[in-house]
Amino acid sequence: MDKESSIVIIGAGVFGLTTAYQLASEGYKNITVLDRHMPPVADGSSSDISRIIRFDYADDDYLRISHAAYLKWQEPKYRGIFYPRPFILTGSMAPTKDSWMERTKAALNRYSLPWTHVADAAHAKRLHPVLSGELAAPPFSGYQNNQAGWADANKAISQLRDDCFEAGVSFVCGRRGTVIGFDTDSDKNIKAARTLVGSPISGDHFILAAGAWGSSLVPMYNSTIATAQVLGFMRLTPEEVKKYQDLPIYINFSSGWFNFPPHEDTGLLKMAVHGWGYTRTPREGEFTLAKSNISTPPLIPPRERINFVPADGEHRLREGLREILPELADRPYEKLALCWYTDTPTGDFIMDYHPDFKNLFIGGAGSGHGFKFLPVLGEYMSRAIKRDLPENLAQKWRFRMEYQHQDDTFLGDGSRAGPARRELTPYEKAKL
């Protein structure tokens, strides 16, 4: 890839922006980022008030890379963006050697990274007296890691966007930046990206990092699926923000529910569910180039996330909050919303060339855990584009074709639980 060549990146989330900045830092001079909205994109999975930063993985590769990212999150560059905070990973289950939690603790031990066993709910409350609920039901299993925290996602993405500007990256956003297709030649090369308005945007190399919207543009051969996960935001008074300021990040592995400490700038307490989620099959006549696409978010971005989640999703949010802070569990939410993941069958990222197009690179499929890698992600994307990844990572992040004729292959990495994934009802789709 010549440094004078034209590089078009579709998607201004964490994968697209880190790639743009990395390539610009390496001397590539003609980089254009296209998106439906100027980042932070309101309904993108990289945008919000908070994301968990941790390195607890059962998989050695993700543990090693996320630990390197965690160390960088503590650098002065991220002051006011990253906030250290311990987290408790717990669940209502008897520990078994093959469980994700036990395998994660074993991986931490292999790298000599400390963690603390949490024996029961009473032990968790001694560690964090602010926890007033009954916590996870017996049989209680859990541990705490003090080397963790959370990042203000919108501030991180805004800083990354500004870094791109200063490095010479161009942005085309709005309807002019909303990609709806590609023009190709007879040799399977993409010549230009077609957008909602204006002439096609030409380029030499194209990088598709559009998250859950990417499967509407090219066939993904059942290697990704877009799933919606529920978020809840509750307004706290200034006194309550101070009262709950020492709240740990608490994750119930059995339900997928987790929380953040209060967000001081907005006065909001955020909670969410990392589970199997909801799907949205495109309506008849709705834009989607890939006929095999079985789930997609709406195309046109709102100025902010739509204030809606399914009723069963709100119930799960409340029950999780009741578990740790029952005094708040019946309070009205300021906002409820859906966050769109791009899941893969194994929970692995994709960093590889698309099999149908010679000059289209696919980067993303964060599977709900990609944001924490922001400080180091661009380096790996750049190496993958140059086909310079270590062999184990090249294999792990390859574009997989083996799922195309299989039914439900989305089993994840073992880190999810809760109710099975389901399709949104017509009423729920209309709310979006």
Protein backbone atom coordinates (compact mmCIF):
# COMPACT_ATOMS: atom_id res chain seq x y z
CA MET A 1 0.00 0.00 0.00
CA ASP A 2 1.70 3.15 -1.25
CA LYS A 3 1.78 6.12 1.12
CA GLU A 4 0.47 8.37 -1.64
CA SER A 5 -2.50 6.11 -2.37
CA SER A 6 -6.04 7.09 -1.47
CA ILE A 7 -7.42 5.27 1.58
CA VAL A 8 -11.16 5.44 2.33
CA ILE A 9 -12.30 4.31 5.79
CA ILE A 10 -16.02 3.67 6.25
CA GLY A 11 -16.89 4.12 9.91
CA ALA A 12 -15.76 6.64 12.52
CA GLY A 13 -15.90 4.41 15.58
CA VAL A 14 -13.01 3.04 17.60
CA PHE A 15 -11.76 0.72 14.84
CA GLY A 16 -12.03 3.30 12.05
CA LEU A 17 -10.53 6.24 13.94
CA THR A 18 -7.64 4.32 15.50
CA THR A 19 -6.79 3.00 12.04
CA ALA A 20 -6.98 6.43 10.45
CA TYR A 21 -4.74 7.97 13.10
CA GLN A 22 -2.22 5.12 13.02
CA LEU A 23 -1.88 5.20 9.24
CA ALA A 24 -1.59 8.98 9.22
CA SER A 25 1.11 8.73 11.90
CA GLU A 26 2.99 6.30 9.64
CA GLY A 27 3.05 8.83 6.81
CA TYR A 28 0.02 7.89 4.71
CA LYS A 29 -1.10 11.20 3.28
CA ASN A 30 -4.51 10.67 1.69
CA ILE A 31 -6.95 9.24 4.25
CA THR A 32 -10.67 9.99 4.24
CA VAL A 33 -13.14 8.79 6.89
CA LEU A 34 -16.80 8.47 5.94
CA ASP A 35 -19.65 8.19 8.42
CA ARG A 36 -23.31 8.99 8.85
CA HIS A 37 -22.45 11.51 11.58
CA MET A 38 -19.41 13.38 12.84
CA PRO A 39 -17.88 11.33 15.67
CA PRO A 40 -18.84 10.59 18.35
CA VAL A 41 -21.62 8.97 16.31
CA ALA A 42 -24.73 9.06 18.49
CA ASP A 43 -25.88 5.47 17.95
CA GLY A 44 -22.45 3.89 17.44
CA SER A 45 -21.17 1.31 19.88
CA SER A 46 -18.07 3.47 20.55
CA SER A 47 -20.11 6.42 21.81
CA ASP A 48 -21.51 6.98 25.27
CA ILE A 49 -20.53 8.30 28.69
CA SER A 50 -18.62 5.21 29.82
CA ARG A 51 -16.86 1.95 28.89
CA ILE A 52 -15.22 -0.62 31.17
CA ILE A 53 -11.44 -0.84 30.96
CA ARG A 54 -10.09 -4.17 32.17
CA PHE A 55 -7.75 -6.93 31.06
CA ASP A 56 -9.52 -9.95 32.56
CA TYR A 57 -9.69 -12.54 29.79
CA ALA A 58 -9.56 -16.31 29.70
CA ASP A 59 -7.79 -15.96 26.34
CA ASP A 60 -4.05 -15.19 26.60
CA ASP A 61 -3.93 -13.00 23.47
CA TYR A 62 -6.73 -10.70 24.57
CA LEU A 63 -5.39 -10.59 28.13
CA ARG A 64 -1.91 -9.61 26.97
CA ILE A 65 -3.11 -6.97 24.50
CA SER A 66 -5.74 -5.47 26.81
CA HIS A 67 -3.19 -5.28 29.64
CA ALA A 68 -0.91 -3.27 27.34
CA ALA A 69 -3.87 -1.01 26.56
CA TYR A 70 -4.71 -0.68 30.28
CA LEU A 71 -1.19 0.58 30.99
CA LYS A 72 -1.56 3.20 28.25
CA TRP A 73 -4.97 4.33 29.55
CA GLN A 74 -3.10 5.55 32.65
CA GLU A 75 -0.83 7.88 30.68
CA PRO A 76 -1.31 11.68 30.95
CA LYS A 77 -2.98 11.75 27.52
CA TYR A 78 -6.06 10.10 29.01
CA ARG A 79 -6.27 12.18 32.20
CA GLY A 80 -9.91 13.22 32.61
CA ILE A 81 -10.94 10.37 30.31
CA PHE A 82 -9.83 7.25 32.20
CA TYR A 83 -10.84 6.73 35.84
CA PRO A 84 -9.32 3.86 37.89
CA ARG A 85 -11.89 1.80 39.75
CA PRO A 86 -11.96 -1.79 41.03
CA PHE A 87 -14.48 -4.19 39.65
CA ILE A 88 -16.11 -7.30 41.04
CA LEU A 89 -16.96 -10.16 38.70
CA THR A 90 -19.51 -12.40 40.33
CA GLY A 91 -22.27 -14.84 39.56
CA SER A 92 -24.73 -17.32 40.99
CA MET A 93 -22.92 -20.52 40.17
CA ALA A 94 -20.62 -23.08 41.67
CA PRO A 95 -17.08 -22.63 40.31
CA THR A 96 -15.94 -25.25 37.83
CA LYS A 97 -12.52 -25.60 36.24
CA ASP A 98 -13.85 -25.00 32.73
CA SER A 99 -16.01 -21.95 33.52
CA TRP A 100 -15.03 -18.65 31.94
CA MET A 101 -14.48 -17.07 35.36
CA GLU A 102 -12.15 -19.82 36.53
CA ARG A 103 -10.25 -19.83 33.24
CA THR A 104 -9.86 -16.06 33.52
CA LYS A 105 -8.40 -16.31 37.01
CA ALA A 106 -6.02 -19.00 35.78
CA ALA A 107 -4.91 -16.71 32.93
CA LEU A 108 -4.31 -13.85 35.38
CA ASN A 109 -2.20 -16.21 37.44
CA ARG A 110 -0.13 -17.21 34.40
CA TYR A 111 0.79 -13.56 33.90
CA SER A 112 1.31 -12.94 37.64
CA LEU A 113 -1.47 -10.33 37.69
CA PRO A 114 -3.12 -9.97 41.11
CA TRP A 115 -6.77 -10.52 41.93
CA THR A 116 -8.68 -11.05 45.17
CA HIS A 117 -11.06 -13.91 45.88
CA VAL A 118 -14.49 -12.70 47.03
CA ALA A 119 -15.95 -15.45 49.16
CA ASP A 120 -19.58 -14.33 49.38
CA ALA A 121 -21.90 -11.33 49.30
CA ALA A 122 -20.95 -10.33 52.84
CA HIS A 123 -17.29 -10.23 51.80
CA ALA A 124 -18.15 -8.01 48.82
CA LYS A 125 -20.01 -5.62 51.12
CA ARG A 126 -17.06 -5.43 53.49
CA LEU A 127 -14.91 -4.43 50.53
CA HIS A 128 -17.53 -1.92 49.34
CA PRO A 129 -19.96 -0.77 52.06
CA VAL A 130 -21.89 1.29 49.49
CA LEU A 131 -23.35 -1.97 48.12
CA SER A 132 -26.66 -2.17 49.98
CA GLY A 133 -28.39 -5.04 48.16
CA GLU A 134 -28.26 -8.80 48.58
CA LEU A 135 -25.89 -9.14 45.60
CA ALA A 136 -25.66 -12.35 43.57
CA ALA A 137 -27.68 -15.21 44.99
CA PRO A 138 -25.97 -18.34 46.33
CA PRO A 139 -24.05 -20.28 45.22
CA PHE A 140 -21.96 -17.10 45.11
CA SER A 141 -18.78 -17.09 43.04
CA GLY A 142 -16.62 -14.05 42.51
CA TYR A 143 -13.36 -12.15 42.56
CA GLN A 144 -12.18 -8.54 42.52
CA ASN A 145 -9.53 -6.89 40.37
CA ASN A 146 -8.24 -3.51 41.52
CA GLN A 147 -6.38 -2.90 38.26
CA ALA A 148 -9.34 -1.73 36.22
CA GLY A 149 -11.52 1.30 35.63
CA TRP A 150 -13.74 3.04 33.14
CA ALA A 151 -13.30 5.53 30.32
CA ASP A 152 -15.53 8.38 29.20
CA ALA A 153 -16.17 7.03 25.71
CA ASN A 154 -17.37 10.25 24.09
CA LYS A 155 -14.35 12.15 25.39
CA ALA A 156 -11.99 9.42 24.18
CA ILE A 157 -13.56 9.35 20.71
CA SER A 158 -13.60 13.16 20.52
CA GLN A 159 -9.90 13.29 21.40
CA LEU A 160 -9.14 10.59 18.84
CA ARG A 161 -11.14 12.48 16.20
CA ASP A 162 -9.18 15.65 16.93
CA ASP A 163 -5.92 13.69 16.73
CA CYS A 164 -7.00 12.56 13.28
CA PHE A 165 -7.76 16.13 12.22
CA GLU A 166 -4.32 17.28 13.35
CA ALA A 167 -2.68 14.36 11.54
CA GLY A 168 -4.29 15.41 8.25
CA VAL A 169 -7.17 12.92 8.06
CA SER A 170 -10.23 14.19 6.15
CA PHE A 171 -13.83 13.55 7.19
CA VAL A 172 -16.99 13.41 5.11
CA CYS A 173 -20.08 13.02 7.27
CA GLY A 174 -23.85 13.32 7.13
CA ARG A 175 -25.75 12.17 4.06
CA ARG A 176 -22.66 12.74 1.90
CA GLY A 177 -20.75 10.35 4.16
CA THR A 178 -23.47 7.71 4.47
CA VAL A 179 -22.24 4.82 2.36
CA ILE A 180 -24.95 2.75 0.61
CA GLY A 181 -22.85 0.70 -1.80
CA PHE A 182 -19.67 0.21 -3.80
CA ASP A 183 -18.71 0.53 -7.46
CA THR A 184 -16.44 -2.30 -8.59
CA ASP A 185 -14.54 -3.32 -11.70
CA SER A 186 -14.31 -6.68 -13.43
CA ASP A 187 -11.26 -7.67 -11.33
CA LYS A 188 -13.17 -7.46 -8.02
CA ASN A 189 -11.57 -4.16 -7.07
CA ILE A 190 -13.69 -1.48 -5.42
CA LYS A 191 -13.34 1.79 -7.31
CA ALA A 192 -15.62 4.04 -5.24
CA ALA A 193 -18.09 4.18 -2.36
CA ARG A 194 -21.59 5.35 -3.22
CA THR A 195 -23.29 7.60 -0.67
CA LEU A 196 -26.79 8.96 -0.10
CA VAL A 197 -26.01 12.21 -1.93
CA GLY A 198 -23.32 13.39 -4.32
CA SER A 199 -20.98 11.58 -6.65
CA PRO A 200 -19.23 8.36 -5.55
CA ILE A 201 -16.10 8.80 -3.42
CA SER A 202 -13.22 7.08 -5.17
CA GLY A 203 -10.18 5.45 -3.60
CA ASP A 204 -7.40 2.92 -4.01
CA HIS A 205 -7.93 1.05 -0.72
CA PHE A 206 -11.12 0.72 1.32
CA ILE A 207 -11.43 -0.19 5.00
CA LEU A 208 -14.89 -1.17 6.22
CA ALA A 209 -15.16 -0.43 9.95
CA ALA A 210 -18.86 0.41 10.10
CA GLY A 211 -19.73 -1.83 13.03
CA ALA A 212 -23.25 -3.22 13.05
CA TRP A 213 -24.03 -1.39 9.81
CA GLY A 214 -21.24 -3.11 7.84
CA SER A 215 -23.23 -6.26 7.12
CA SER A 216 -25.70 -4.13 5.12
CA LEU A 217 -22.96 -3.27 2.63
CA VAL A 218 -21.17 -6.55 1.91
CA PRO A 219 -21.91 -10.24 2.48
CA MET A 220 -20.48 -11.38 5.80
CA TYR A 221 -21.17 -15.10 5.23
CA ASN A 222 -22.74 -15.56 8.67
CA SER A 223 -19.50 -14.46 10.33
CA THR A 224 -21.15 -11.50 12.09
CA ILE A 225 -24.53 -10.60 13.52
CA ALA A 226 -25.79 -7.25 14.80
CA THR A 227 -27.32 -7.50 18.27
CA ALA A 228 -28.89 -4.78 20.40
CA GLN A 229 -28.01 -4.61 24.10
CA VAL A 230 -29.91 -2.59 26.71
CA LEU A 231 -28.59 0.50 28.51
CA GLY A 232 -30.15 2.45 31.37
CA PHE A 233 -29.33 5.94 32.65
CA MET A 234 -30.70 7.17 35.98
CA ARG A 235 -30.52 10.76 37.20
CA LEU A 236 -28.85 11.29 40.57
CA THR A 237 -28.88 14.40 42.73
CA PRO A 238 -25.50 16.03 43.48
CA GLU A 239 -25.73 14.56 46.97
CA GLU A 240 -26.33 11.09 45.54
CA VAL A 241 -23.42 11.42 43.13
CA LYS A 242 -21.21 12.04 46.16
CA LYS A 243 -22.89 9.23 48.15
CA TYR A 244 -22.25 6.64 45.43
CA GLN A 245 -18.88 7.95 44.25
CA ASP A 246 -17.08 4.87 45.62
CA LEU A 247 -19.38 2.43 43.85
CA PRO A 248 -17.31 -0.32 42.22
CA ILE A 249 -17.95 -1.70 38.77
CA TYR A 250 -20.08 -4.76 39.56
CA ILE A 251 -20.65 -7.46 36.96
CA ASN A 252 -23.05 -10.34 37.45
CA PHE A 253 -21.77 -12.97 35.05
CA SER A 254 -24.97 -15.02 35.40
CA SER A 255 -27.27 -12.25 34.17
CA GLY A 256 -24.87 -10.11 32.14
CA TRP A 257 -25.81 -7.02 34.19
CA PHE A 258 -23.14 -4.45 35.07
CA ASN A 259 -22.89 -0.90 36.31
CA PHE A 260 -20.56 2.08 36.34
CA PRO A 261 -19.85 4.57 39.13
CA PRO A 262 -21.80 7.84 38.81
CA HIS A 263 -20.75 10.02 35.88
CA GLU A 264 -19.92 13.27 37.58
CA ASP A 265 -20.21 15.52 34.51
CA THR A 266 -23.79 14.45 33.74
CA GLY A 267 -24.98 13.24 37.16
CA LEU A 268 -26.07 9.94 35.62
CA LEU A 269 -25.77 6.41 36.95
CA LYS A 270 -25.36 4.02 34.03
CA MET A 271 -26.07 0.30 33.93
CA ALA A 272 -26.24 -2.18 31.07
CA VAL A 273 -26.56 -5.82 30.09
CA HIS A 274 -23.85 -7.73 28.22
CA GLY A 275 -25.90 -10.66 27.00
CA TRP A 276 -27.23 -12.31 23.87
CA GLY A 277 -29.32 -9.27 22.93
CA TYR A 278 -31.96 -8.60 20.31
CA THR A 279 -31.93 -8.80 16.52
CA ARG A 280 -33.72 -6.65 13.96
CA THR A 281 -34.42 -8.28 10.60
CA PRO A 282 -34.52 -5.62 7.86
CA ARG A 283 -38.00 -4.71 6.61
CA GLU A 284 -39.00 -5.57 3.06
CA GLY A 285 -37.73 -2.81 0.80
CA GLU A 286 -35.35 -1.46 3.44
CA PHE A 287 -31.86 -0.68 2.25
CA THR A 288 -29.48 -3.60 2.60
CA LEU A 289 -27.17 -4.76 -0.17
CA ALA A 290 -26.28 -8.04 1.48
CA LYS A 291 -29.25 -10.37 1.01
CA SER A 292 -27.93 -12.70 3.68
CA ASN A 293 -28.05 -9.94 6.31
CA ILE A 294 -30.33 -11.15 9.10
CA SER A 295 -30.04 -8.22 11.50
CA THR A 296 -29.28 -4.52 11.15
CA PRO A 297 -29.89 -1.26 13.04
CA PRO A 298 -31.79 1.58 11.32
CA LEU A 299 -29.59 3.37 8.79
CA ILE A 300 -30.24 7.08 9.34
CA PRO A 301 -28.58 8.20 12.59
CA PRO A 302 -30.49 10.16 15.25
CA ARG A 303 -28.82 13.09 16.98
CA GLU A 304 -28.88 10.94 20.10
CA ARG A 305 -29.84 7.37 20.88
CA ILE A 306 -33.57 6.70 20.78
CA ASN A 307 -35.10 6.55 24.26
CA PHE A 308 -36.44 2.99 24.17
CA VAL A 309 -35.68 -0.59 25.21
CA PRO A 310 -38.00 -3.62 25.19
CA ALA A 311 -39.99 -4.13 28.38
CA ASP A 312 -38.12 -7.31 29.29
CA GLY A 313 -34.83 -5.43 28.87
CA GLU A 314 -35.95 -2.71 31.27
CA HIS A 315 -36.99 -5.41 33.74
CA ARG A 316 -33.49 -6.92 33.58
CA LEU A 317 -31.95 -3.50 34.20
CA ARG A 318 -34.12 -2.95 37.27
CA GLU A 319 -33.49 -6.39 38.71
CA GLY A 320 -29.75 -5.91 38.34
CA LEU A 321 -29.92 -2.53 40.07
CA ARG A 322 -32.09 -4.03 42.82
CA GLU A 323 -29.30 -6.57 43.38
CA ILE A 324 -26.76 -3.90 44.38
CA LEU A 325 -28.74 -0.71 45.22
CA PRO A 326 -32.37 -1.64 45.96
CA GLU A 327 -33.13 1.88 47.16
CA LEU A 328 -32.85 3.08 43.55
CA ALA A 329 -34.45 0.15 41.75
CA ASP A 330 -37.95 1.61 41.35
CA ARG A 331 -36.88 5.11 40.37
CA PRO A 332 -37.75 6.27 36.82
CA TYR A 333 -34.98 6.13 34.27
CA GLU A 334 -33.83 9.34 32.67
CA LYS A 335 -33.17 7.39 29.48
CA LEU A 336 -33.22 3.84 28.14
CA ALA A 337 -31.44 2.90 24.95
CA LEU A 338 -30.10 0.09 22.78
CA CYS A 339 -26.42 -0.29 21.92
CA TRP A 340 -25.68 -2.25 18.74
CA TYR A 341 -22.90 -4.82 18.97
CA THR A 342 -21.26 -6.56 16.02
CA ASP A 343 -20.94 -10.11 17.30
CA THR A 344 -18.94 -12.97 15.83
CA PRO A 345 -19.54 -16.66 16.54
CA THR A 346 -16.44 -16.88 18.75
CA GLY A 347 -16.33 -13.32 20.10
CA ASP A 348 -13.13 -12.66 18.12
CA PHE A 349 -12.45 -9.48 16.15
CA ILE A 350 -12.14 -9.48 12.36
CA MET A 351 -9.05 -7.88 10.80
CA ASP A 352 -8.73 -9.32 7.31
CA TYR A 353 -9.44 -8.73 3.64
CA HIS A 354 -12.92 -9.51 2.37
CA PRO A 355 -12.97 -12.62 0.16
CA ASP A 356 -15.09 -10.94 -2.53
CA PHE A 357 -13.06 -7.75 -3.04
CA LYS A 358 -9.31 -7.47 -3.48
CA ASN A 359 -8.94 -4.00 -1.94
CA LEU A 360 -11.55 -4.11 0.84
CA PHE A 361 -10.26 -4.69 4.37
CA ILE A 362 -12.71 -5.54 7.15
CA GLY A 363 -11.86 -4.18 10.59
CA GLY A 364 -14.10 -4.53 13.60
CA ALA A 365 -16.59 -7.04 14.99
CA GLY A 366 -15.82 -5.76 18.49
CA SER A 367 -18.33 -8.22 19.98
CA GLY A 368 -19.02 -5.90 22.88
CA HIS A 369 -15.45 -5.81 24.19
CA GLY A 370 -13.39 -3.86 21.64
CA PHE A 371 -13.39 -0.33 23.06
CA LYS A 372 -10.91 -1.02 25.88
CA PHE A 373 -8.20 -1.71 23.27
CA LEU A 374 -8.36 1.88 21.91
CA PRO A 375 -4.79 2.92 22.84
CA VAL A 376 -3.24 -0.01 20.94
CA LEU A 377 -5.92 -0.99 18.41
CA GLY A 378 -4.62 1.10 15.51
CA GLU A 379 -1.24 -0.64 15.62
CA TYR A 380 -2.86 -4.05 15.17
CA MET A 381 -5.18 -2.81 12.45
CA SER A 382 -2.23 -1.34 10.56
CA ARG A 383 -0.25 -4.55 10.85
CA ALA A 384 -3.22 -6.59 9.67
CA ILE A 385 -3.70 -4.34 6.65
CA LYS A 386 -0.05 -4.92 5.75
CA ARG A 387 -0.47 -8.68 6.43
CA ASP A 388 2.11 -8.38 9.19
CA LEU A 389 0.24 -9.77 12.19
CA PRO A 390 1.74 -12.58 14.25
CA GLU A 391 0.45 -15.85 12.85
CA ASN A 392 -1.71 -16.67 15.88
CA LEU A 393 -3.50 -13.31 15.65
CA ALA A 394 -3.85 -13.51 11.87
CA GLN A 395 -5.62 -16.84 12.34
CA LYS A 396 -7.75 -15.60 15.23
CA TRP A 397 -8.89 -12.46 13.40
CA ARG A 398 -9.28 -13.93 9.91
CA PHE A 399 -12.46 -13.53 7.86
CA ARG A 400 -14.19 -16.85 8.37
CA MET A 401 -16.20 -18.54 5.61
CA GLU A 402 -16.96 -21.80 7.41
CA TYR A 403 -20.15 -20.51 9.05
CA GLN A 404 -22.03 -19.52 5.90
CA HIS A 405 -24.19 -22.67 5.64
CA GLN A 406 -24.57 -23.29 9.37
CA ASP A 407 -27.55 -22.31 11.48
CA ASP A 408 -26.97 -20.54 14.80
CA THR A 409 -23.21 -20.56 15.32
CA PHE A 410 -23.02 -17.56 17.64
CA LEU A 411 -21.89 -19.21 20.84
CA GLY A 412 -19.48 -16.46 21.97
CA ASP A 413 -16.33 -16.79 24.05
CA GLY A 414 -18.05 -18.06 27.18
CA SER A 415 -18.41 -14.61 28.77
CA ARG A 416 -22.16 -14.16 28.21
CA ALA A 417 -25.23 -15.50 29.95
CA GLY A 418 -28.86 -14.59 30.49
CA PRO A 419 -31.90 -15.10 28.24
CA ALA A 420 -31.47 -16.31 24.67
CA ARG A 421 -31.17 -13.80 21.85
CA ARG A 422 -34.54 -12.90 20.33
CA GLU A 423 -35.96 -10.88 17.44
CA LEU A 424 -37.50 -7.51 18.21
CA THR A 425 -41.28 -7.47 17.76
CA PRO A 426 -42.91 -5.24 15.11
CA TYR A 427 -43.97 -2.86 17.88
CA GLU A 428 -40.43 -2.68 19.26
CA LYS A 429 -38.98 -2.10 15.78
CA ALA A 430 -41.41 0.76 15.20
CA LYS A 431 -40.13 2.44 18.36
CA LEU A 432 -36.66 2.61 16.79
